[in-house]
Structures are given as structure tokens and as C-alpha cells.
Amino acid sequence: MKNESKEDSNFWIAYADLMAGLLFVFILLIGTIVVKYVLTQSDLKEIKDNLNKQEARLEESKEELRNKEAIVFKLSSDLNNASSALNLANSQKAELEA
């Protein structure tokens, strides 16, 4: 009887040791997951910051492009007006010479 009680006691001690080991494995696993999550969040924040900077530069470039397009349109309009005036002057000159 005493021998059987000792075997039961050893079984439960071994069982408790296994459960403690399993708990330790789960704690390590959760710790690893938390660390990976924190690192991923840090990388994500850096990527978002870079994306925001790129978007700001893109908006600046778009605004600069709009300004240059307006300048080109104005210069094109001025050139067309000058060309029309030159054609008119040439036609008037041709009429006077004829």
C-alpha cells in the first residue's frame, strides 16, 4: 500500500512537472508573439510615415505641375495672339504693296 501511494505521488509530481514545462513553453510562445507584434507595429509606423512624406511630395509636385501648365497655357495664348497680330500685319502689308 505504501509502495502504491509512493507511485501515485511520483506520477502526480511528474505530471505537475510536465504541466509546468508546458506552461513555460506557452509563456515563451506568447512572449515571442508579443515581441514580433511590437516590431511589426514599429515597421508599420515607419512605412506609414514614409508614405505620408511621399504623398506630401506628390501633392507639391502636382501643384508645381499645375502652375507650370498655367504658365505654358498663358505663353501659348500670348504666342497665338502675337502670331495672329503678325499675320494681320503681313496681310495689311501685302494689301498696301498691291
PDB file of N, CA and C in Angstrom:
ATOM      1  N   MET A   1       0.816  -1.186   0.000  1.00  0.00           N
ATOM      2  CA  MET A   1       0.000   0.000   0.000  1.00  0.00           C
ATOM      3  C   MET A   1       0.865   1.256   0.000  1.00  0.00           C
ATOM      4  N   LYS A   2       1.900   1.215   0.814  1.00  0.00           N
ATOM      5  CA  LYS A   2       2.782   2.357   0.882  1.00  0.00           C
ATOM      6  C   LYS A   2       3.515   2.548  -0.439  1.00  0.00           C
ATOM      7  N   ASN A   3       3.878   1.436  -1.061  1.00  0.00           N
ATOM      8  CA  ASN A   3       4.572   1.473  -2.339  1.00  0.00           C
ATOM      9  C   ASN A   3       3.659   2.050  -3.420  1.00  0.00           C
ATOM     10  N   GLU A   4       2.376   1.665  -3.400  1.00  0.00           N
ATOM     11  CA  GLU A   4       1.401   2.176  -4.379  1.00  0.00           C
ATOM     12  C   GLU A   4       1.172   3.666  -4.176  1.00  0.00           C
ATOM     13  N   SER A   5       1.125   4.114  -2.956  1.00  0.00           N
ATOM     14  CA  SER A   5       0.952   5.532  -2.649  1.00  0.00           C
ATOM     15  C   SER A   5       2.154   6.332  -3.141  1.00  0.00           C
ATOM     16  N   LYS A   6       3.340   5.741  -3.009  1.00  0.00           N
ATOM     17  CA  LYS A   6       4.550   6.409  -3.464  1.00  0.00           C
ATOM     18  C   LYS A   6       4.533   6.541  -4.987  1.00  0.00           C
ATOM     19  N   GLU A   7       4.070   5.506  -5.701  1.00  0.00           N
ATOM     20  CA  GLU A   7       3.991   5.553  -7.166  1.00  0.00           C
ATOM     21  C   GLU A   7       2.979   6.606  -7.610  1.00  0.00           C
ATOM     22  N   ASP A   8       1.840   6.683  -6.926  1.00  0.00           N
ATOM     23  CA  ASP A   8       0.844   7.712  -7.249  1.00  0.00           C
ATOM     24  C   ASP A   8       1.421   9.105  -7.034  1.00  0.00           C
ATOM     25  N   SER A   9       2.149   9.257  -5.951  1.00  0.00           N
ATOM     26  CA  SER A   9       2.753  10.547  -5.650  1.00  0.00           C
ATOM     27  C   SER A   9       3.778  10.916  -6.719  1.00  0.00           C
ATOM     28  N   ASN A  10       4.597   9.958  -7.145  1.00  0.00           N
ATOM     29  CA  ASN A  10       5.580  10.211  -8.203  1.00  0.00           C
ATOM     30  C   ASN A  10       4.885  10.554  -9.517  1.00  0.00           C
ATOM     31  N   PHE A  11       3.771   9.878  -9.807  1.00  0.00           N
ATOM     32  CA  PHE A  11       3.029  10.160 -11.039  1.00  0.00           C
ATOM     33  C   PHE A  11       2.534  11.603 -11.048  1.00  0.00           C
ATOM     34  N   TRP A  12       1.953  12.029  -9.946  1.00  0.00           N
ATOM     35  CA  TRP A  12       1.409  13.388  -9.905  1.00  0.00           C
ATOM     36  C   TRP A  12       2.513  14.441  -9.906  1.00  0.00           C
ATOM     37  N   ILE A  13       3.642  14.121  -9.303  1.00  0.00           N
ATOM     38  CA  ILE A  13       4.771  15.053  -9.340  1.00  0.00           C
ATOM     39  C   ILE A  13       5.275  15.183 -10.769  1.00  0.00           C
ATOM     40  N   ALA A  14       5.411  14.062 -11.466  1.00  0.00           N
ATOM     41  CA  ALA A  14       5.866  14.089 -12.859  1.00  0.00           C
ATOM     42  C   ALA A  14       4.841  14.812 -13.731  1.00  0.00           C
ATOM     43  N   TYR A  15       3.572  14.550 -13.467  1.00  0.00           N
ATOM     44  CA  TYR A  15       2.501  15.210 -14.228  1.00  0.00           C
ATOM     45  C   TYR A  15       2.540  16.724 -14.001  1.00  0.00           C
ATOM     46  N   ALA A  16       2.747  17.140 -12.776  1.00  0.00           N
ATOM     47  CA  ALA A  16       2.827  18.567 -12.453  1.00  0.00           C
ATOM     48  C   ALA A  16       4.060  19.194 -13.111  1.00  0.00           C
ATOM     49  N   ASP A  17       5.173  18.460 -13.144  1.00  0.00           N
ATOM     50  CA  ASP A  17       6.373  18.966 -13.814  1.00  0.00           C
ATOM     51  C   ASP A  17       6.127  19.143 -15.310  1.00  0.00           C
ATOM     52  N   LEU A  18       5.435  18.203 -15.914  1.00  0.00           N
ATOM     53  CA  LEU A  18       5.105  18.320 -17.342  1.00  0.00           C
ATOM     54  C   LEU A  18       4.206  19.528 -17.596  1.00  0.00           C
ATOM     55  N   MET A  19       3.239  19.718 -16.747  1.00  0.00           N
ATOM     56  CA  MET A  19       2.333  20.864 -16.910  1.00  0.00           C
ATOM     57  C   MET A  19       3.089  22.184 -16.718  1.00  0.00           C
ATOM     58  N   ALA A  20       4.018  22.219 -15.758  1.00  0.00           N
ATOM     59  CA  ALA A  20       4.819  23.429 -15.548  1.00  0.00           C
ATOM     60  C   ALA A  20       5.688  23.700 -16.774  1.00  0.00           C
ATOM     61  N   GLY A  21       6.259  22.645 -17.340  1.00  0.00           N
ATOM     62  CA  GLY A  21       7.054  22.796 -18.562  1.00  0.00           C
ATOM     63  C   GLY A  21       6.211  23.295 -19.718  1.00  0.00           C
ATOM     64  N   LEU A  22       5.008  22.754 -19.854  1.00  0.00           N
ATOM     65  CA  LEU A  22       4.103  23.188 -20.920  1.00  0.00           C
ATOM     66  C   LEU A  22       3.697  24.645 -20.725  1.00  0.00           C
ATOM     67  N   LEU A  23       3.442  25.029 -19.474  1.00  0.00           N
ATOM     68  CA  LEU A  23       3.119  26.425 -19.178  1.00  0.00           C
ATOM     69  C   LEU A  23       4.283  27.332 -19.564  1.00  0.00           C
ATOM     70  N   PHE A  24       5.506  26.910 -19.264  1.00  0.00           N
ATOM     71  CA  PHE A  24       6.686  27.689 -19.620  1.00  0.00           C
ATOM     72  C   PHE A  24       6.799  27.840 -21.138  1.00  0.00           C
ATOM     73  N   VAL A  25       6.528  26.774 -21.877  1.00  0.00           N
ATOM     74  CA  VAL A  25       6.559  26.841 -23.348  1.00  0.00           C
ATOM     75  C   VAL A  25       5.522  27.840 -23.844  1.00  0.00           C
ATOM     76  N   PHE A  26       4.325  27.809 -23.291  1.00  0.00           N
ATOM     77  CA  PHE A  26       3.285  28.763 -23.706  1.00  0.00           C
ATOM     78  C   PHE A  26       3.686  30.203 -23.376  1.00  0.00           C
ATOM     79  N   ILE A  27       4.300  30.401 -22.221  1.00  0.00           N
ATOM     80  CA  ILE A  27       4.745  31.749 -21.851  1.00  0.00           C
ATOM     81  C   ILE A  27       5.795  32.245 -22.843  1.00  0.00           C
ATOM     82  N   LEU A  28       6.739  31.376 -23.208  1.00  0.00           N
ATOM     83  CA  LEU A  28       7.747  31.760 -24.199  1.00  0.00           C
ATOM     84  C   LEU A  28       7.104  32.063 -25.550  1.00  0.00           C
ATOM     85  N   LEU A  29       6.147  31.258 -25.935  1.00  0.00           N
ATOM     86  CA  LEU A  29       5.458  31.460 -27.209  1.00  0.00           C
ATOM     87  C   LEU A  29       4.712  32.794 -27.223  1.00  0.00           C
ATOM     88  N   ILE A  30       4.011  33.088 -26.152  1.00  0.00           N
ATOM     89  CA  ILE A  30       3.278  34.362 -26.065  1.00  0.00           C
ATOM     90  C   ILE A  30       4.261  35.534 -26.064  1.00  0.00           C
ATOM     91  N   GLY A  31       5.369  35.391 -25.343  1.00  0.00           N
ATOM     92  CA  GLY A  31       6.392  36.443 -25.339  1.00  0.00           C
ATOM     93  C   GLY A  31       6.942  36.694 -26.731  1.00  0.00           C
ATOM     94  N   THR A  32       7.204  35.632 -27.474  1.00  0.00           N
ATOM     95  CA  THR A  32       7.698  35.764 -28.845  1.00  0.00           C
ATOM     96  C   THR A  32       6.680  36.466 -29.727  1.00  0.00           C
ATOM     97  N   ILE A  33       5.429  36.102 -29.586  1.00  0.00           N
ATOM     98  CA  ILE A  33       4.373  36.723 -30.391  1.00  0.00           C
ATOM     99  C   ILE A  33       4.258  38.210 -30.070  1.00  0.00           C
ATOM    100  N   VAL A  34       4.333  38.561 -28.798  1.00  0.00           N
ATOM    101  CA  VAL A  34       4.235  39.973 -28.399  1.00  0.00           C
ATOM    102  C   VAL A  34       5.413  40.769 -28.957  1.00  0.00           C
ATOM    103  N   VAL A  35       6.615  40.216 -28.872  1.00  0.00           N
ATOM    104  CA  VAL A  35       7.795  40.912 -29.401  1.00  0.00           C
ATOM    105  C   VAL A  35       7.662  41.105 -30.906  1.00  0.00           C
ATOM    106  N   LYS A  36       7.236  40.062 -31.610  1.00  0.00           N
ATOM    107  CA  LYS A  36       7.063  40.175 -33.064  1.00  0.00           C
ATOM    108  C   LYS A  36       5.993  41.216 -33.395  1.00  0.00           C
ATOM    109  N   TYR A  37       4.926  41.263 -32.624  1.00  0.00           N
ATOM    110  CA  TYR A  37       3.862  42.251 -32.839  1.00  0.00           C
ATOM    111  C   TYR A  37       4.400  43.669 -32.669  1.00  0.00           C
ATOM    112  N   VAL A  38       5.183  43.887 -31.616  1.00  0.00           N
ATOM    113  CA  VAL A  38       5.745  45.221 -31.368  1.00  0.00           C
ATOM    114  C   VAL A  38       6.676  45.623 -32.512  1.00  0.00           C
ATOM    115  N   LEU A  39       7.520  44.703 -32.959  1.00  0.00           N
ATOM    116  CA  LEU A  39       8.428  45.009 -34.069  1.00  0.00           C
ATOM    117  C   LEU A  39       7.654  45.293 -35.352  1.00  0.00           C
ATOM    118  N   THR A  40       6.606  44.532 -35.590  1.00  0.00           N
ATOM    119  CA  THR A  40       5.788  44.747 -36.785  1.00  0.00           C
ATOM    120  C   THR A  40       5.099  46.102 -36.720  1.00  0.00           C
ATOM    121  N   GLN A  41       4.599  46.476 -35.553  1.00  0.00           N
ATOM    122  CA  GLN A  41       3.957  47.784 -35.400  1.00  0.00           C
ATOM    123  C   GLN A  41       4.958  48.911 -35.647  1.00  0.00           C
ATOM    124  N   SER A  42       6.177  48.726 -35.177  1.00  0.00           N
ATOM    125  CA  SER A  42       7.218  49.731 -35.390  1.00  0.00           C
ATOM    126  C   SER A  42       7.520  49.877 -36.882  1.00  0.00           C
ATOM    127  N   ASP A  43       7.645  48.742 -37.573  1.00  0.00           N
ATOM    128  CA  ASP A  43       7.885  48.780 -39.018  1.00  0.00           C
ATOM    129  C   ASP A  43       6.715  49.426 -39.742  1.00  0.00           C
ATOM    130  N   LEU A  44       5.511  49.102 -39.319  1.00  0.00           N
ATOM    131  CA  LEU A  44       4.322  49.664 -39.954  1.00  0.00           C
ATOM    132  C   LEU A  44       4.272  51.178 -39.769  1.00  0.00           C
ATOM    133  N   LYS A  45       4.617  51.651 -38.588  1.00  0.00           N
ATOM    134  CA  LYS A  45       4.634  53.102 -38.340  1.00  0.00           C
ATOM    135  C   LYS A  45       5.651  53.781 -39.245  1.00  0.00           C
ATOM    136  N   GLU A  46       6.818  53.179 -39.395  1.00  0.00           N
ATOM    137  CA  GLU A  46       7.854  53.742 -40.261  1.00  0.00           C
ATOM    138  C   GLU A  46       7.380  53.778 -41.713  1.00  0.00           C
ATOM    139  N   ILE A  47       6.734  52.723 -42.153  1.00  0.00           N
ATOM    140  CA  ILE A  47       6.221  52.669 -43.524  1.00  0.00           C
ATOM    141  C   ILE A  47       5.142  53.726 -43.730  1.00  0.00           C
ATOM    142  N   LYS A  48       4.258  53.898 -42.752  1.00  0.00           N
ATOM    143  CA  LYS A  48       3.212  54.921 -42.868  1.00  0.00           C
ATOM    144  C   LYS A  48       3.813  56.318 -42.927  1.00  0.00           C
ATOM    145  N   ASP A  49       4.835  56.563 -42.116  1.00  0.00           N
ATOM    146  CA  ASP A  49       5.497  57.873 -42.143  1.00  0.00           C
ATOM    147  C   ASP A  49       6.113  58.140 -43.511  1.00  0.00           C
ATOM    148  N   ASN A  50       6.783  57.129 -44.063  1.00  0.00           N
ATOM    149  CA  ASN A  50       7.376  57.287 -45.394  1.00  0.00           C
ATOM    150  C   ASN A  50       6.303  57.534 -46.444  1.00  0.00           C
ATOM    151  N   LEU A  51       5.194  56.829 -46.334  1.00  0.00           N
ATOM    152  CA  LEU A  51       4.102  57.004 -47.288  1.00  0.00           C
ATOM    153  C   LEU A  51       3.522  58.410 -47.194  1.00  0.00           C
ATOM    154  N   ASN A  52       3.347  58.914 -45.982  1.00  0.00           N
ATOM    155  CA  ASN A  52       2.837  60.278 -45.810  1.00  0.00           C
ATOM    156  C   ASN A  52       3.790  61.306 -46.408  1.00  0.00           C
ATOM    157  N   LYS A  53       5.098  61.096 -46.231  1.00  0.00           N
ATOM    158  CA  LYS A  53       6.079  62.009 -46.817  1.00  0.00           C
ATOM    159  C   LYS A  53       6.001  61.968 -48.344  1.00  0.00           C
ATOM    160  N   GLN A  54       5.868  60.773 -48.903  1.00  0.00           N
ATOM    161  CA  GLN A  54       5.768  60.644 -50.357  1.00  0.00           C
ATOM    162  C   GLN A  54       4.496  61.303 -50.873  1.00  0.00           C
ATOM    163  N   GLU A  55       3.405  61.153 -50.149  1.00  0.00           N
ATOM    164  CA  GLU A  55       2.153  61.794 -50.559  1.00  0.00           C
ATOM    165  C   GLU A  55       2.291  63.313 -50.533  1.00  0.00           C
ATOM    166  N   ALA A  56       2.976  63.836 -49.522  1.00  0.00           N
ATOM    167  CA  ALA A  56       3.184  65.288 -49.440  1.00  0.00           C
ATOM    168  C   ALA A  56       4.032  65.768 -50.611  1.00  0.00           C
ATOM    169  N   ARG A  57       5.094  65.017 -50.932  1.00  0.00           N
ATOM    170  CA  ARG A  57       5.929  65.395 -52.081  1.00  0.00           C
ATOM    171  C   ARG A  57       5.137  65.309 -53.377  1.00  0.00           C
ATOM    172  N   LEU A  58       4.277  64.313 -53.491  1.00  0.00           N
ATOM    173  CA  LEU A  58       3.453  64.169 -54.688  1.00  0.00           C
ATOM    174  C   LEU A  58       2.504  65.350 -54.833  1.00  0.00           C
ATOM    175  N   GLU A  59       1.893  65.771 -53.741  1.00  0.00           N
ATOM    176  CA  GLU A  59       0.997  66.932 -53.795  1.00  0.00           C
ATOM    177  C   GLU A  59       1.761  68.194 -54.192  1.00  0.00           C
ATOM    178  N   GLU A  60       2.969  68.351 -53.661  1.00  0.00           N
ATOM    179  CA  GLU A  60       3.791  69.504 -54.039  1.00  0.00           C
ATOM    180  C   GLU A  60       4.111  69.462 -55.531  1.00  0.00           C
ATOM    181  N   SER A  61       4.438  68.271 -56.023  1.00  0.00           N
ATOM    182  CA  SER A  61       4.753  68.126 -57.450  1.00  0.00           C
ATOM    183  C   SER A  61       3.532  68.417 -58.311  1.00  0.00           C
ATOM    184  N   LYS A  62       2.368  67.959 -57.860  1.00  0.00           N
ATOM    185  CA  LYS A  62       1.140  68.230 -58.614  1.00  0.00           C
ATOM    186  C   LYS A  62       0.869  69.731 -58.679  1.00  0.00           C
ATOM    187  N   GLU A  63       1.045  70.416 -57.555  1.00  0.00           N
ATOM    188  CA  GLU A  63       0.819  71.861 -57.515  1.00  0.00           C
ATOM    189  C   GLU A  63       1.809  72.576 -58.430  1.00  0.00           C
ATOM    190  N   GLU A  64       3.050  72.152 -58.392  1.00  0.00           N
ATOM    191  CA  GLU A  64       4.068  72.749 -59.261  1.00  0.00           C
ATOM    192  C   GLU A  64       3.723  72.499 -60.731  1.00  0.00           C
ATOM    193  N   LEU A  65       3.251  71.301 -61.032  1.00  0.00           N
ATOM    194  CA  LEU A  65       2.852  70.978 -62.406  1.00  0.00           C
ATOM    195  C   LEU A  65       1.679  71.847 -62.848  1.00  0.00           C
ATOM    196  N   ARG A  66       0.697  72.039 -61.973  1.00  0.00           N
ATOM    197  CA  ARG A  66      -0.442  72.899 -62.313  1.00  0.00           C
ATOM    198  C   ARG A  66       0.020  74.328 -62.606  1.00  0.00           C
ATOM    199  N   ASN A  67       0.929  74.827 -61.787  1.00  0.00           N
ATOM    200  CA  ASN A  67       1.449  76.183 -62.001  1.00  0.00           C
ATOM    201  C   ASN A  67       2.181  76.282 -63.338  1.00  0.00           C
ATOM    202  N   LYS A  68       2.984  75.292 -63.647  1.00  0.00           N
ATOM    203  CA  LYS A  68       3.723  75.316 -64.911  1.00  0.00           C
ATOM    204  C   LYS A  68       2.788  75.153 -66.104  1.00  0.00           C
ATOM    205  N   GLU A  69       1.747  74.336 -65.951  1.00  0.00           N
ATOM    206  CA  GLU A  69       0.765  74.204 -67.032  1.00  0.00           C
ATOM    207  C   GLU A  69       0.060  75.533 -67.282  1.00  0.00           C
ATOM    208  N   ALA A  70      -0.245  76.255 -66.217  1.00  0.00           N
ATOM    209  CA  ALA A  70      -0.884  77.567 -66.369  1.00  0.00           C
ATOM    210  C   ALA A  70       0.052  78.531 -67.091  1.00  0.00           C
ATOM    211  N   ILE A  71       1.337  78.483 -66.760  1.00  0.00           N
ATOM    212  CA  ILE A  71       2.314  79.346 -67.434  1.00  0.00           C
ATOM    213  C   ILE A  71       2.407  78.980 -68.911  1.00  0.00           C
ATOM    214  N   VAL A  72       2.465  77.682 -69.200  1.00  0.00           N
ATOM    215  CA  VAL A  72       2.537  77.233 -70.598  1.00  0.00           C
ATOM    216  C   VAL A  72       1.287  77.660 -71.353  1.00  0.00           C
ATOM    217  N   PHE A  73       0.129  77.535 -70.741  1.00  0.00           N
ATOM    218  CA  PHE A  73      -1.119  77.937 -71.394  1.00  0.00           C
ATOM    219  C   PHE A  73      -1.104  79.432 -71.689  1.00  0.00           C
ATOM    220  N   LYS A  74      -0.649  80.230 -70.718  1.00  0.00           N
ATOM    221  CA  LYS A  74      -0.588  81.686 -70.918  1.00  0.00           C
ATOM    222  C   LYS A  74       0.392  82.034 -72.028  1.00  0.00           C
ATOM    223  N   LEU A  75       1.565  81.401 -72.013  1.00  0.00           N
ATOM    224  CA  LEU A  75       2.553  81.675 -73.060  1.00  0.00           C
ATOM    225  C   LEU A  75       2.046  81.236 -74.431  1.00  0.00           C
ATOM    226  N   SER A  76       1.351  80.107 -74.468  1.00  0.00           N
ATOM    227  CA  SER A  76       0.776  79.635 -75.730  1.00  0.00           C
ATOM    228  C   SER A  76      -0.268  80.617 -76.240  1.00  0.00           C
ATOM    229  N   SER A  77      -1.087  81.126 -75.338  1.00  0.00           N
ATOM    230  CA  SER A  77      -2.096  82.112 -75.714  1.00  0.00           C
ATOM    231  C   SER A  77      -1.432  83.389 -76.224  1.00  0.00           C
ATOM    232  N   ASP A  78      -0.391  83.845 -75.516  1.00  0.00           N
ATOM    233  CA  ASP A  78       0.340  85.038 -75.960  1.00  0.00           C
ATOM    234  C   ASP A  78       0.976  84.812 -77.325  1.00  0.00           C
ATOM    235  N   LEU A  79       1.527  83.626 -77.537  1.00  0.00           N
ATOM    236  CA  LEU A  79       2.146  83.301 -78.820  1.00  0.00           C
ATOM    237  C   LEU A  79       1.111  83.289 -79.933  1.00  0.00           C
ATOM    238  N   ASN A  80      -0.060  82.723 -79.669  1.00  0.00           N
ATOM    239  CA  ASN A  80      -1.128  82.712 -80.675  1.00  0.00           C
ATOM    240  C   ASN A  80      -1.578  84.132 -80.994  1.00  0.00           C
ATOM    241  N   ASN A  81      -1.700  84.967 -79.963  1.00  0.00           N
ATOM    242  CA  ASN A  81      -2.086  86.366 -80.190  1.00  0.00           C
ATOM    243  C   ASN A  81      -1.030  87.090 -81.017  1.00  0.00           C
ATOM    244  N   ALA A  82       0.241  86.860 -80.687  1.00  0.00           N
ATOM    245  CA  ALA A  82       1.321  87.503 -81.441  1.00  0.00           C
ATOM    246  C   ALA A  82       1.343  87.001 -82.875  1.00  0.00           C
ATOM    247  N   SER A  83       1.103  85.704 -83.053  1.00  0.00           N
ATOM    248  CA  SER A  83       1.071  85.131 -84.404  1.00  0.00           C
ATOM    249  C   SER A  83      -0.084  85.716 -85.206  1.00  0.00           C
ATOM    250  N   SER A  84      -1.233  85.862 -84.576  1.00  0.00           N
ATOM    251  CA  SER A  84      -2.389  86.463 -85.256  1.00  0.00           C
ATOM    252  C   SER A  84      -2.094  87.908 -85.627  1.00  0.00           C
ATOM    253  N   ALA A  85      -1.480  88.653 -84.719  1.00  0.00           N
ATOM    254  CA  ALA A  85      -1.139  90.049 -84.999  1.00  0.00           C
ATOM    255  C   ALA A  85      -0.125  90.131 -86.133  1.00  0.00           C
ATOM    256  N   LEU A  86       0.836  89.215 -86.165  1.00  0.00           N
ATOM    257  CA  LEU A  86       1.836  89.199 -87.222  1.00  0.00           C
ATOM    258  C   LEU A  86       1.192  88.865 -88.558  1.00  0.00           C
ATOM    259  N   ASN A  87       0.296  87.891 -88.564  1.00  0.00           N
ATOM    260  CA  ASN A  87      -0.407  87.538 -89.802  1.00  0.00           C
ATOM    261  C   ASN A  87      -1.245  88.710 -90.292  1.00  0.00           C
ATOM    262  N   LEU A  88      -1.905  89.394 -89.374  1.00  0.00           N
ATOM    263  CA  LEU A  88      -2.702  90.561 -89.740  1.00  0.00           C
ATOM    264  C   LEU A  88      -1.806  91.654 -90.312  1.00  0.00           C
ATOM    265  N   ALA A  89      -0.670  91.892 -89.682  1.00  0.00           N
ATOM    266  CA  ALA A  89       0.266  92.911 -90.166  1.00  0.00           C
ATOM    267  C   ALA A  89       0.801  92.535 -91.538  1.00  0.00           C
ATOM    268  N   ASN A  90       1.110  91.250 -91.738  1.00  0.00           N
ATOM    269  CA  ASN A  90       1.603  90.799 -93.044  1.00  0.00           C
ATOM    270  C   ASN A  90       0.537  90.951 -94.117  1.00  0.00           C
ATOM    271  N   SER A  91      -0.713  90.637 -93.773  1.00  0.00           N
ATOM    272  CA  SER A  91      -1.783  90.775 -94.770  1.00  0.00           C
ATOM    273  C   SER A  91      -2.023  92.250 -95.096  1.00  0.00           C
ATOM    274  N   GLN A  92      -1.944  93.116 -94.080  1.00  0.00           N
ATOM    275  CA  GLN A  92      -2.106  94.554 -94.334  1.00  0.00           C
ATOM    276  C   GLN A  92      -0.949  95.081 -95.179  1.00  0.00           C
ATOM    277  N   LYS A  93       0.247  94.587 -94.920  1.00  0.00           N
ATOM    278  CA  LYS A  93       1.410  94.996 -95.699  1.00  0.00           C
ATOM    279  C   LYS A  93       1.264  94.551 -97.146  1.00  0.00           C
ATOM    280  N   ALA A  94       0.759  93.323 -97.317  1.00  0.00           N
ATOM    281  CA  ALA A  94       0.569  92.804 -98.675  1.00  0.00           C
ATOM    282  C   ALA A  94      -0.480  93.620 -99.406  1.00  0.00           C
ATOM    283  N   GLU A  95      -1.526  94.041 -98.714  1.00  0.00           N
ATOM    284  CA  GLU A  95      -2.570  94.859 -99.341  1.00  0.00           C
ATOM    285  C   GLU A  95      -2.016  96.226 -99.729  1.00  0.00           C
ATOM    286  N   LEU A  96      -1.167  96.782 -98.878  1.00  0.00           N
ATOM    287  CA  LEU A  96      -0.590  98.088 -99.175  1.00  0.00           C
ATOM    288  C   LEU A  96       0.383  98.012-100.351  1.00  0.00           C
ATOM    289  N   GLU A  97       1.102  96.920-100.453  1.00  0.00           N
ATOM    290  CA  GLU A  97       2.055  96.751-101.544  1.00  0.00           C
ATOM    291  C   GLU A  97       1.353  96.449-102.855  1.00  0.00           C
ATOM    292  N   ALA A  98       0.167  95.905-102.794  1.00  0.00           N
ATOM    293  CA  ALA A  98      -0.530  95.535-104.014  1.00  0.00           C
ATOM    294  C   ALA A  98      -1.235  96.665-104.661  1.00  0.00           C
TER     295      ALA A  98
END
